[in-house]
Amino acid sequence: MVETAFIYKICVIGDASVGKSSTILRWSQDTFNEQYQVTVGVQHYTRNITVSSKGEEFVIKLIIWDMAGQEMFKHVRPIFYRASRGVILMFDITKPETFENLPTWVNEAVDNIGTKVPFLLVGNKSDLTPHRVDKSHALQYAEEIEGSFILSSAKTGDNVGDIFGQITTMILEYNSTEKTQNPSHTKSTWMR
């Protein structure tokens, strides 16, 4: 039996109805519900994932925090960012306003996490048309926040597994780089 190497808390953020909960449920339980369910405050999900990084294989326990996107929960969210090791920043590829609101979400995360963490930008609902956010704009924004970009569909499952694999690999590589650049860096309480 392979032991869990690390435990990472990851926050999934973005406007209401961009598909955060649906994406998490597709990944964690392989289900999809056509009916919109409002996330009240915050919900969390746990699942182990195996990833490869720099020639090594790791079993990582992910604790995924699904943050409500509605404005009324703005004052509840800050405490749930603490100890996050990475952020999945999601928008709806068919609704430009959800893309335009991303800087507000990034600022909220950065202000509340208190340390630099990797960001993965996700353009969700790729199964719907028309795509009203140009992929080149998304790639440019991902570069601005020093992150990566991926298109996905919670409905079809396209790239959903890749979202969680990619953010986990980004965290592993970031932690490796951080330890190399700062040898006095000690293990976080989120790492065994």
N, C-alpha and C. Protein backbone atom coordinates (compact mmCIF):
# COMPACT_ATOMS: atom_id res chain seq x y z
N MET A 1 0.83 -1.19 0.00
CA MET A 1 0.00 0.00 0.00
C MET A 1 0.88 1.25 0.00
N VAL A 2 0.59 2.16 -0.91
CA VAL A 2 1.38 3.38 -1.02
C VAL A 2 0.83 4.41 -0.04
N GLU A 3 1.72 5.02 0.72
CA GLU A 3 1.31 6.04 1.68
C GLU A 3 1.08 7.37 0.98
N THR A 4 0.21 8.16 1.58
CA THR A 4 -0.02 9.51 1.08
C THR A 4 1.22 10.35 1.36
N ALA A 5 1.77 10.96 0.33
CA ALA A 5 2.98 11.76 0.49
C ALA A 5 2.68 13.15 1.04
N PHE A 6 1.60 13.75 0.58
CA PHE A 6 1.26 15.11 0.97
C PHE A 6 -0.26 15.25 1.05
N ILE A 7 -0.69 16.26 1.78
CA ILE A 7 -2.10 16.64 1.82
C ILE A 7 -2.15 18.10 1.39
N TYR A 8 -2.93 18.38 0.35
CA TYR A 8 -3.02 19.74 -0.17
C TYR A 8 -4.46 20.25 -0.11
N LYS A 9 -4.61 21.44 0.41
CA LYS A 9 -5.90 22.13 0.38
C LYS A 9 -5.90 23.01 -0.86
N ILE A 10 -6.95 22.87 -1.66
CA ILE A 10 -7.09 23.65 -2.90
C ILE A 10 -8.45 24.35 -2.88
N CYS A 11 -8.46 25.64 -3.14
CA CYS A 11 -9.71 26.40 -3.21
C CYS A 11 -10.15 26.53 -4.67
N VAL A 12 -11.43 26.32 -4.91
CA VAL A 12 -12.02 26.50 -6.24
C VAL A 12 -12.90 27.74 -6.15
N ILE A 13 -12.54 28.77 -6.94
CA ILE A 13 -13.22 30.05 -6.83
C ILE A 13 -13.67 30.56 -8.20
N GLY A 14 -14.61 31.50 -8.18
CA GLY A 14 -15.14 32.10 -9.39
C GLY A 14 -16.59 32.48 -9.15
N ASP A 15 -17.16 33.20 -10.10
CA ASP A 15 -18.54 33.65 -9.99
C ASP A 15 -19.51 32.49 -9.81
N ALA A 16 -20.69 32.82 -9.32
CA ALA A 16 -21.76 31.84 -9.18
C ALA A 16 -22.12 31.26 -10.54
N SER A 17 -22.45 30.02 -10.58
CA SER A 17 -22.94 29.28 -11.75
C SER A 17 -21.94 29.09 -12.89
N VAL A 18 -20.64 29.15 -12.57
CA VAL A 18 -19.64 28.86 -13.60
C VAL A 18 -19.33 27.37 -13.69
N GLY A 19 -19.84 26.59 -12.72
CA GLY A 19 -19.65 25.15 -12.76
C GLY A 19 -18.63 24.61 -11.77
N LYS A 20 -18.33 25.36 -10.72
CA LYS A 20 -17.36 24.89 -9.73
C LYS A 20 -17.80 23.59 -9.07
N SER A 21 -19.00 23.60 -8.51
CA SER A 21 -19.52 22.40 -7.82
C SER A 21 -19.68 21.24 -8.79
N SER A 22 -20.19 21.52 -9.97
CA SER A 22 -20.38 20.46 -10.97
C SER A 22 -19.06 19.82 -11.37
N THR A 23 -18.03 20.63 -11.50
CA THR A 23 -16.70 20.11 -11.87
C THR A 23 -16.15 19.24 -10.75
N ILE A 24 -16.28 19.71 -9.52
CA ILE A 24 -15.78 18.93 -8.38
C ILE A 24 -16.53 17.61 -8.26
N LEU A 25 -17.85 17.66 -8.40
CA LEU A 25 -18.65 16.43 -8.31
C LEU A 25 -18.35 15.47 -9.46
N ARG A 26 -18.11 16.01 -10.65
CA ARG A 26 -17.73 15.15 -11.78
C ARG A 26 -16.43 14.43 -11.46
N TRP A 27 -15.47 15.14 -10.89
CA TRP A 27 -14.17 14.56 -10.58
C TRP A 27 -14.23 13.61 -9.38
N SER A 28 -14.92 14.01 -8.32
CA SER A 28 -14.89 13.23 -7.09
C SER A 28 -15.88 12.07 -7.07
N GLN A 29 -17.02 12.22 -7.79
CA GLN A 29 -18.06 11.19 -7.74
C GLN A 29 -18.54 10.73 -9.12
N ASP A 30 -17.96 11.29 -10.17
CA ASP A 30 -18.33 10.99 -11.55
C ASP A 30 -19.84 11.14 -11.78
N THR A 31 -20.37 12.26 -11.27
CA THR A 31 -21.79 12.57 -11.46
C THR A 31 -21.93 13.96 -12.04
N PHE A 32 -23.07 14.20 -12.69
CA PHE A 32 -23.40 15.53 -13.19
C PHE A 32 -24.89 15.74 -13.05
N ASN A 33 -25.28 16.87 -12.49
CA ASN A 33 -26.68 17.21 -12.29
C ASN A 33 -27.02 18.41 -13.16
N GLU A 34 -28.01 18.28 -14.02
CA GLU A 34 -28.42 19.37 -14.91
C GLU A 34 -29.00 20.56 -14.13
N GLN A 35 -29.54 20.30 -12.94
CA GLN A 35 -30.17 21.35 -12.14
C GLN A 35 -29.11 22.12 -11.35
N TYR A 36 -29.17 23.44 -11.41
CA TYR A 36 -28.22 24.28 -10.68
C TYR A 36 -28.48 24.20 -9.18
N GLN A 37 -27.44 23.90 -8.43
CA GLN A 37 -27.52 23.84 -6.97
C GLN A 37 -26.62 24.92 -6.40
N VAL A 38 -27.18 25.83 -5.63
CA VAL A 38 -26.41 26.91 -5.02
C VAL A 38 -25.53 26.34 -3.91
N THR A 39 -24.26 26.71 -3.92
CA THR A 39 -23.37 26.36 -2.81
C THR A 39 -23.60 27.39 -1.72
N VAL A 40 -23.94 26.93 -0.55
CA VAL A 40 -24.18 27.83 0.58
C VAL A 40 -22.89 27.93 1.38
N GLY A 41 -22.23 29.08 1.29
CA GLY A 41 -20.97 29.30 2.00
C GLY A 41 -19.84 28.55 1.34
N VAL A 42 -19.49 27.40 1.91
CA VAL A 42 -18.36 26.61 1.43
C VAL A 42 -18.69 25.13 1.63
N GLN A 43 -18.27 24.30 0.67
CA GLN A 43 -18.34 22.85 0.84
C GLN A 43 -16.96 22.29 0.55
N HIS A 44 -16.66 21.14 1.15
CA HIS A 44 -15.35 20.54 0.83
C HIS A 44 -15.51 19.07 0.49
N TYR A 45 -14.56 18.61 -0.32
CA TYR A 45 -14.53 17.25 -0.82
C TYR A 45 -13.09 16.74 -0.68
N THR A 46 -12.94 15.44 -0.50
CA THR A 46 -11.61 14.85 -0.34
C THR A 46 -11.46 13.67 -1.29
N ARG A 47 -10.28 13.59 -1.90
CA ARG A 47 -9.98 12.45 -2.77
C ARG A 47 -8.48 12.35 -2.93
N ASN A 48 -7.97 11.13 -3.03
CA ASN A 48 -6.56 10.91 -3.30
C ASN A 48 -6.33 10.91 -4.80
N ILE A 49 -5.15 11.36 -5.18
CA ILE A 49 -4.77 11.40 -6.59
C ILE A 49 -3.31 11.00 -6.68
N THR A 50 -2.95 10.29 -7.74
CA THR A 50 -1.55 9.93 -7.98
C THR A 50 -1.04 10.77 -9.14
N VAL A 51 0.08 11.46 -8.92
CA VAL A 51 0.68 12.28 -9.97
C VAL A 51 2.17 12.00 -10.06
N SER A 52 2.70 12.28 -11.23
CA SER A 52 4.14 12.15 -11.46
C SER A 52 4.74 13.54 -11.59
N SER A 53 5.89 13.72 -10.98
CA SER A 53 6.60 14.98 -11.08
C SER A 53 8.09 14.70 -10.99
N LYS A 54 8.82 15.18 -11.96
CA LYS A 54 10.28 15.04 -11.99
C LYS A 54 10.71 13.58 -11.83
N GLY A 55 9.99 12.68 -12.51
CA GLY A 55 10.35 11.28 -12.52
C GLY A 55 9.90 10.48 -11.30
N GLU A 56 9.20 11.10 -10.38
CA GLU A 56 8.72 10.40 -9.20
C GLU A 56 7.19 10.39 -9.20
N GLU A 57 6.63 9.35 -8.58
CA GLU A 57 5.19 9.25 -8.46
C GLU A 57 4.79 9.52 -7.01
N PHE A 58 3.75 10.32 -6.84
CA PHE A 58 3.29 10.70 -5.51
C PHE A 58 1.79 10.45 -5.37
N VAL A 59 1.38 9.98 -4.19
CA VAL A 59 -0.04 9.92 -3.86
C VAL A 59 -0.33 11.14 -2.99
N ILE A 60 -1.25 11.95 -3.46
CA ILE A 60 -1.57 13.20 -2.78
C ILE A 60 -3.03 13.16 -2.35
N LYS A 61 -3.29 13.53 -1.13
CA LYS A 61 -4.67 13.67 -0.66
C LYS A 61 -5.06 15.13 -0.90
N LEU A 62 -6.11 15.32 -1.71
CA LEU A 62 -6.59 16.67 -1.99
C LEU A 62 -7.83 16.95 -1.16
N ILE A 63 -7.83 18.10 -0.54
CA ILE A 63 -9.02 18.61 0.14
C ILE A 63 -9.46 19.81 -0.68
N ILE A 64 -10.57 19.64 -1.39
CA ILE A 64 -11.05 20.65 -2.33
C ILE A 64 -12.12 21.48 -1.65
N TRP A 65 -11.90 22.78 -1.59
CA TRP A 65 -12.86 23.71 -0.98
C TRP A 65 -13.60 24.44 -2.09
N ASP A 66 -14.88 24.19 -2.17
CA ASP A 66 -15.79 24.78 -3.16
C ASP A 66 -16.37 26.05 -2.55
N MET A 67 -15.90 27.20 -3.01
CA MET A 67 -16.29 28.49 -2.43
C MET A 67 -17.50 29.06 -3.17
N ALA A 68 -18.51 29.42 -2.42
CA ALA A 68 -19.72 30.01 -3.01
C ALA A 68 -19.35 31.29 -3.76
N GLY A 69 -19.92 31.46 -4.95
CA GLY A 69 -19.60 32.61 -5.78
C GLY A 69 -20.51 33.80 -5.60
N GLN A 70 -21.60 33.64 -4.89
CA GLN A 70 -22.54 34.74 -4.72
C GLN A 70 -21.95 35.83 -3.83
N GLU A 71 -22.28 37.06 -4.16
CA GLU A 71 -21.80 38.23 -3.42
C GLU A 71 -22.15 38.15 -1.94
N MET A 72 -23.31 37.57 -1.61
CA MET A 72 -23.74 37.53 -0.21
C MET A 72 -22.82 36.70 0.67
N PHE A 73 -21.98 35.85 0.08
CA PHE A 73 -21.06 35.03 0.85
C PHE A 73 -19.64 35.60 0.90
N LYS A 74 -19.48 36.80 0.37
CA LYS A 74 -18.18 37.45 0.30
C LYS A 74 -17.49 37.54 1.68
N HIS A 75 -18.27 37.79 2.72
CA HIS A 75 -17.69 37.98 4.06
C HIS A 75 -17.43 36.66 4.78
N VAL A 76 -17.95 35.57 4.25
CA VAL A 76 -17.75 34.25 4.85
C VAL A 76 -16.48 33.60 4.31
N ARG A 77 -16.15 33.88 3.06
CA ARG A 77 -15.07 33.17 2.37
C ARG A 77 -13.67 33.35 2.94
N PRO A 78 -13.27 34.54 3.42
CA PRO A 78 -11.86 34.74 3.77
C PRO A 78 -11.23 33.70 4.67
N ILE A 79 -11.92 33.26 5.69
CA ILE A 79 -11.34 32.29 6.62
C ILE A 79 -11.03 30.95 5.94
N PHE A 80 -11.77 30.62 4.89
CA PHE A 80 -11.60 29.32 4.24
C PHE A 80 -10.40 29.27 3.28
N TYR A 81 -9.79 30.41 3.01
CA TYR A 81 -8.60 30.42 2.17
C TYR A 81 -7.35 29.97 2.93
N ARG A 82 -7.36 30.10 4.23
CA ARG A 82 -6.17 29.82 5.04
C ARG A 82 -5.61 28.43 4.77
N ALA A 83 -4.30 28.36 4.65
CA ALA A 83 -3.53 27.13 4.44
C ALA A 83 -3.74 26.52 3.05
N SER A 84 -4.31 27.27 2.12
CA SER A 84 -4.46 26.78 0.75
C SER A 84 -3.09 26.66 0.10
N ARG A 85 -2.92 25.60 -0.69
CA ARG A 85 -1.66 25.37 -1.39
C ARG A 85 -1.77 25.67 -2.87
N GLY A 86 -3.02 25.87 -3.36
CA GLY A 86 -3.25 26.17 -4.76
C GLY A 86 -4.68 26.63 -4.96
N VAL A 87 -4.91 27.28 -6.11
CA VAL A 87 -6.22 27.83 -6.41
C VAL A 87 -6.63 27.45 -7.83
N ILE A 88 -7.86 26.95 -7.95
CA ILE A 88 -8.48 26.75 -9.25
C ILE A 88 -9.42 27.91 -9.45
N LEU A 89 -9.16 28.70 -10.47
CA LEU A 89 -9.89 29.93 -10.76
C LEU A 89 -10.75 29.67 -11.99
N MET A 90 -12.08 29.63 -11.81
CA MET A 90 -12.96 29.15 -12.87
C MET A 90 -13.86 30.26 -13.42
N PHE A 91 -14.08 30.20 -14.74
CA PHE A 91 -15.04 31.09 -15.40
C PHE A 91 -15.83 30.28 -16.42
N ASP A 92 -16.95 30.84 -16.84
CA ASP A 92 -17.82 30.21 -17.84
C ASP A 92 -17.42 30.76 -19.20
N ILE A 93 -16.97 29.90 -20.09
CA ILE A 93 -16.46 30.31 -21.40
C ILE A 93 -17.54 30.99 -22.26
N THR A 94 -18.81 30.83 -21.88
CA THR A 94 -19.91 31.44 -22.64
C THR A 94 -20.39 32.75 -22.04
N LYS A 95 -19.84 33.15 -20.89
CA LYS A 95 -20.27 34.38 -20.21
C LYS A 95 -19.06 35.27 -19.92
N PRO A 96 -18.81 36.24 -20.78
CA PRO A 96 -17.62 37.09 -20.63
C PRO A 96 -17.52 37.79 -19.27
N GLU A 97 -18.66 38.12 -18.66
CA GLU A 97 -18.61 38.82 -17.38
C GLU A 97 -17.94 37.96 -16.30
N THR A 98 -18.04 36.64 -16.41
CA THR A 98 -17.39 35.78 -15.42
C THR A 98 -15.87 35.80 -15.60
N PHE A 99 -15.42 36.03 -16.82
CA PHE A 99 -13.99 36.19 -17.09
C PHE A 99 -13.51 37.56 -16.61
N GLU A 100 -14.32 38.59 -16.87
CA GLU A 100 -13.96 39.96 -16.48
C GLU A 100 -13.87 40.12 -14.96
N ASN A 101 -14.57 39.28 -14.21
CA ASN A 101 -14.55 39.37 -12.74
C ASN A 101 -13.38 38.63 -12.11
N LEU A 102 -12.58 37.95 -12.90
CA LEU A 102 -11.48 37.14 -12.35
C LEU A 102 -10.47 37.94 -11.52
N PRO A 103 -10.09 39.16 -11.91
CA PRO A 103 -9.13 39.90 -11.06
C PRO A 103 -9.63 40.11 -9.63
N THR A 104 -10.92 40.29 -9.46
CA THR A 104 -11.48 40.44 -8.11
C THR A 104 -11.27 39.16 -7.31
N TRP A 105 -11.48 38.01 -7.96
CA TRP A 105 -11.28 36.72 -7.30
C TRP A 105 -9.81 36.49 -6.96
N VAL A 106 -8.92 36.83 -7.88
CA VAL A 106 -7.49 36.66 -7.63
C VAL A 106 -7.08 37.52 -6.44
N ASN A 107 -7.52 38.78 -6.42
CA ASN A 107 -7.18 39.67 -5.30
C ASN A 107 -7.69 39.13 -3.97
N GLU A 108 -8.92 38.62 -3.97
CA GLU A 108 -9.47 38.06 -2.74
C GLU A 108 -8.62 36.88 -2.26
N ALA A 109 -8.25 36.00 -3.18
CA ALA A 109 -7.44 34.83 -2.81
C ALA A 109 -6.07 35.25 -2.29
N VAL A 110 -5.39 36.12 -3.02
CA VAL A 110 -4.05 36.56 -2.64
C VAL A 110 -4.08 37.25 -1.27
N ASP A 111 -5.06 38.11 -1.06
CA ASP A 111 -5.17 38.83 0.21
C ASP A 111 -5.39 37.89 1.39
N ASN A 112 -6.12 36.82 1.17
CA ASN A 112 -6.48 35.94 2.27
C ASN A 112 -5.58 34.72 2.46
N ILE A 113 -4.91 34.30 1.42
CA ILE A 113 -3.98 33.16 1.57
C ILE A 113 -2.70 33.63 2.24
N GLY A 114 -2.24 34.80 1.85
CA GLY A 114 -1.09 35.39 2.53
C GLY A 114 0.27 34.93 2.06
N THR A 115 0.31 34.01 1.12
CA THR A 115 1.57 33.55 0.55
C THR A 115 1.32 33.20 -0.91
N LYS A 116 2.37 33.17 -1.70
CA LYS A 116 2.20 32.87 -3.12
C LYS A 116 1.89 31.39 -3.32
N VAL A 117 0.86 31.13 -4.13
CA VAL A 117 0.48 29.76 -4.46
C VAL A 117 0.19 29.70 -5.96
N PRO A 118 0.24 28.50 -6.55
CA PRO A 118 -0.09 28.35 -7.97
C PRO A 118 -1.59 28.56 -8.24
N PHE A 119 -1.88 29.16 -9.39
CA PHE A 119 -3.25 29.35 -9.87
C PHE A 119 -3.42 28.59 -11.18
N LEU A 120 -4.54 27.87 -11.29
CA LEU A 120 -4.91 27.23 -12.55
C LEU A 120 -6.21 27.87 -13.01
N LEU A 121 -6.17 28.50 -14.16
CA LEU A 121 -7.33 29.15 -14.75
C LEU A 121 -8.09 28.12 -15.58
N VAL A 122 -9.40 27.98 -15.30
CA VAL A 122 -10.23 26.98 -15.98
C VAL A 122 -11.38 27.67 -16.69
N GLY A 123 -11.45 27.49 -18.02
CA GLY A 123 -12.59 27.93 -18.82
C GLY A 123 -13.56 26.78 -18.91
N ASN A 124 -14.62 26.83 -18.13
CA ASN A 124 -15.56 25.71 -18.04
C ASN A 124 -16.71 25.88 -19.03
N LYS A 125 -17.45 24.80 -19.21
CA LYS A 125 -18.61 24.71 -20.11
C LYS A 125 -18.18 24.75 -21.58
N SER A 126 -17.06 24.09 -21.86
CA SER A 126 -16.54 24.07 -23.23
C SER A 126 -17.47 23.32 -24.19
N ASP A 127 -18.43 22.57 -23.65
CA ASP A 127 -19.39 21.85 -24.49
C ASP A 127 -20.46 22.79 -25.07
N LEU A 128 -20.57 23.99 -24.51
CA LEU A 128 -21.59 24.95 -24.97
C LEU A 128 -21.00 25.91 -26.02
N THR A 129 -21.87 26.40 -26.87
CA THR A 129 -21.45 27.40 -27.86
C THR A 129 -22.44 28.55 -27.82
N PRO A 130 -22.04 29.71 -28.24
CA PRO A 130 -20.68 30.05 -28.68
C PRO A 130 -19.75 30.31 -27.50
N HIS A 131 -18.47 30.07 -27.74
CA HIS A 131 -17.46 30.46 -26.76
C HIS A 131 -17.30 31.97 -26.90
N ARG A 132 -17.65 32.69 -25.85
CA ARG A 132 -17.63 34.15 -25.94
C ARG A 132 -16.42 34.77 -25.27
N VAL A 133 -15.54 33.92 -24.73
CA VAL A 133 -14.26 34.39 -24.21
C VAL A 133 -13.19 33.78 -25.10
N ASP A 134 -12.40 34.62 -25.73
CA ASP A 134 -11.37 34.16 -26.64
C ASP A 134 -10.27 33.43 -25.87
N LYS A 135 -9.88 32.27 -26.37
CA LYS A 135 -8.85 31.47 -25.72
C LYS A 135 -7.55 32.24 -25.55
N SER A 136 -7.22 33.09 -26.51
CA SER A 136 -5.97 33.86 -26.41
C SER A 136 -6.01 34.83 -25.22
N HIS A 137 -7.19 35.38 -24.91
CA HIS A 137 -7.32 36.27 -23.75
C HIS A 137 -7.13 35.47 -22.45
N ALA A 138 -7.69 34.27 -22.42
CA ALA A 138 -7.55 33.42 -21.24
C ALA A 138 -6.08 33.03 -21.04
N LEU A 139 -5.41 32.66 -22.11
CA LEU A 139 -3.99 32.31 -22.01
C LEU A 139 -3.15 33.50 -21.53
N GLN A 140 -3.48 34.69 -22.05
CA GLN A 140 -2.77 35.90 -21.64
C GLN A 140 -2.99 36.19 -20.15
N TYR A 141 -4.23 36.03 -19.69
CA TYR A 141 -4.52 36.28 -18.28
C TYR A 141 -3.81 35.25 -17.39
N ALA A 142 -3.80 34.01 -17.82
CA ALA A 142 -3.10 32.97 -17.05
C ALA A 142 -1.62 33.32 -16.91
N GLU A 143 -1.04 33.84 -17.97
CA GLU A 143 0.36 34.26 -17.92
C GLU A 143 0.54 35.43 -16.96
N GLU A 144 -0.40 36.38 -16.96
CA GLU A 144 -0.33 37.54 -16.06
C GLU A 144 -0.34 37.12 -14.59
N ILE A 145 -1.10 36.09 -14.26
CA ILE A 145 -1.17 35.64 -12.87
C ILE A 145 -0.17 34.51 -12.59
N GLU A 146 0.74 34.29 -13.54
CA GLU A 146 1.77 33.27 -13.43
C GLU A 146 1.17 31.89 -13.21
N GLY A 147 0.10 31.62 -13.95
CA GLY A 147 -0.59 30.34 -13.83
C GLY A 147 -0.64 29.62 -15.16
N SER A 148 -1.53 28.65 -15.24
CA SER A 148 -1.76 27.90 -16.46
C SER A 148 -3.25 27.97 -16.79
N PHE A 149 -3.60 27.54 -18.01
CA PHE A 149 -4.99 27.60 -18.46
C PHE A 149 -5.40 26.27 -19.06
N ILE A 150 -6.66 25.89 -18.81
CA ILE A 150 -7.22 24.67 -19.38
C ILE A 150 -8.71 24.88 -19.63
N LEU A 151 -9.21 24.33 -20.73
CA LEU A 151 -10.65 24.32 -21.03
C LEU A 151 -11.23 23.01 -20.52
N SER A 152 -12.48 23.06 -20.01
CA SER A 152 -13.09 21.84 -19.50
C SER A 152 -14.61 21.88 -19.66
N SER A 153 -15.21 20.72 -19.44
CA SER A 153 -16.66 20.61 -19.40
C SER A 153 -17.03 19.64 -18.28
N ALA A 154 -17.69 20.16 -17.25
CA ALA A 154 -18.17 19.28 -16.19
C ALA A 154 -19.24 18.33 -16.72
N LYS A 155 -20.03 18.80 -17.69
CA LYS A 155 -21.11 17.99 -18.24
C LYS A 155 -20.58 16.75 -18.95
N THR A 156 -19.61 16.93 -19.83
CA THR A 156 -19.08 15.79 -20.59
C THR A 156 -17.90 15.11 -19.88
N GLY A 157 -17.31 15.81 -18.95
CA GLY A 157 -16.13 15.29 -18.26
C GLY A 157 -14.83 15.64 -18.93
N ASP A 158 -14.88 16.33 -20.08
CA ASP A 158 -13.66 16.69 -20.81
C ASP A 158 -12.70 17.50 -19.92
N ASN A 159 -11.49 16.99 -19.77
CA ASN A 159 -10.39 17.63 -19.05
C ASN A 159 -10.62 17.81 -17.56
N VAL A 160 -11.70 17.29 -17.00
CA VAL A 160 -11.95 17.48 -15.57
C VAL A 160 -10.85 16.83 -14.73
N GLY A 161 -10.48 15.60 -15.06
CA GLY A 161 -9.39 14.96 -14.33
C GLY A 161 -8.08 15.71 -14.48
N ASP A 162 -7.88 16.29 -15.67
CA ASP A 162 -6.66 17.04 -15.93
C ASP A 162 -6.55 18.29 -15.05
N ILE A 163 -7.70 18.89 -14.72
CA ILE A 163 -7.69 20.07 -13.85
C ILE A 163 -7.00 19.73 -12.53
N PHE A 164 -7.46 18.67 -11.90
CA PHE A 164 -6.95 18.32 -10.58
C PHE A 164 -5.54 17.74 -10.65
N GLY A 165 -5.23 17.00 -11.70
CA GLY A 165 -3.87 16.53 -11.89
C GLY A 165 -2.90 17.67 -12.12
N GLN A 166 -3.32 18.64 -12.94
CA GLN A 166 -2.44 19.76 -13.27
C GLN A 166 -2.18 20.66 -12.06
N ILE A 167 -3.22 21.00 -11.29
CA ILE A 167 -2.99 21.88 -10.13
C ILE A 167 -2.14 21.16 -9.09
N THR A 168 -2.33 19.86 -8.94
CA THR A 168 -1.52 19.10 -7.98
C THR A 168 -0.05 19.08 -8.39
N THR A 169 0.20 18.87 -9.68
CA THR A 169 1.57 18.89 -10.19
C THR A 169 2.18 20.28 -10.03
N MET A 170 1.39 21.32 -10.29
CA MET A 170 1.87 22.69 -10.12
C MET A 170 2.29 22.95 -8.67
N ILE A 171 1.50 22.45 -7.72
CA ILE A 171 1.82 22.63 -6.30
C ILE A 171 3.09 21.87 -5.95
N LEU A 172 3.20 20.62 -6.40
CA LEU A 172 4.41 19.83 -6.14
C LEU A 172 5.65 20.55 -6.66
N GLU A 173 5.58 21.02 -7.89
CA GLU A 173 6.73 21.69 -8.50
C GLU A 173 7.02 23.03 -7.82
N TYR A 174 5.99 23.75 -7.44
CA TYR A 174 6.19 25.01 -6.73
C TYR A 174 6.88 24.75 -5.39
N ASN A 175 6.42 23.74 -4.66
CA ASN A 175 7.03 23.42 -3.37
C ASN A 175 8.48 22.99 -3.53
N SER A 176 8.77 22.24 -4.59
CA SER A 176 10.14 21.82 -4.86
C SER A 176 11.03 23.01 -5.15
N THR A 177 10.54 23.94 -5.95
CA THR A 177 11.28 25.16 -6.29
C THR A 177 11.49 26.01 -5.04
N GLU A 178 10.45 26.15 -4.22
CA GLU A 178 10.51 26.96 -3.01
C GLU A 178 11.58 26.41 -2.06
N LYS A 179 11.65 25.09 -1.91
CA LYS A 179 12.64 24.49 -1.01
C LYS A 179 14.04 24.69 -1.55
N THR A 180 14.20 24.63 -2.87
CA THR A 180 15.51 24.83 -3.48
C THR A 180 15.97 26.27 -3.30
N GLN A 181 15.05 27.21 -3.47
CA GLN A 181 15.40 28.63 -3.36
C GLN A 181 15.50 29.09 -1.91
N ASN A 182 14.82 28.40 -0.99
CA ASN A 182 14.81 28.79 0.41
C ASN A 182 15.04 27.53 1.26
N PRO A 183 16.30 27.12 1.45
CA PRO A 183 16.59 25.88 2.16
C PRO A 183 16.06 25.84 3.59
N SER A 184 15.81 27.00 4.20
CA SER A 184 15.29 27.00 5.56
C SER A 184 13.79 26.77 5.60
N HIS A 185 13.17 26.64 4.41
CA HIS A 185 11.73 26.39 4.30
C HIS A 185 11.39 25.08 5.02
N THR A 186 10.47 25.15 5.95
CA THR A 186 10.08 23.94 6.68
C THR A 186 8.79 23.40 6.13
N LYS A 187 8.51 22.13 6.43
CA LYS A 187 7.28 21.50 5.95
C LYS A 187 6.07 22.20 6.56
N SER A 188 5.10 22.41 5.73
CA SER A 188 3.83 22.98 6.17
C SER A 188 3.06 21.96 6.98
N THR A 189 2.09 22.42 7.73
CA THR A 189 1.21 21.50 8.46
C THR A 189 0.37 20.71 7.49
N TRP A 190 0.32 21.14 6.21
CA TRP A 190 -0.46 20.42 5.20
C TRP A 190 0.36 19.34 4.52
N MET A 191 1.59 19.15 4.97
CA MET A 191 2.43 18.14 4.37
C MET A 191 2.89 17.19 5.46
N ARG A 192 2.92 15.91 5.17
CA ARG A 192 3.42 14.93 6.16
C ARG A 192 4.89 14.71 5.96
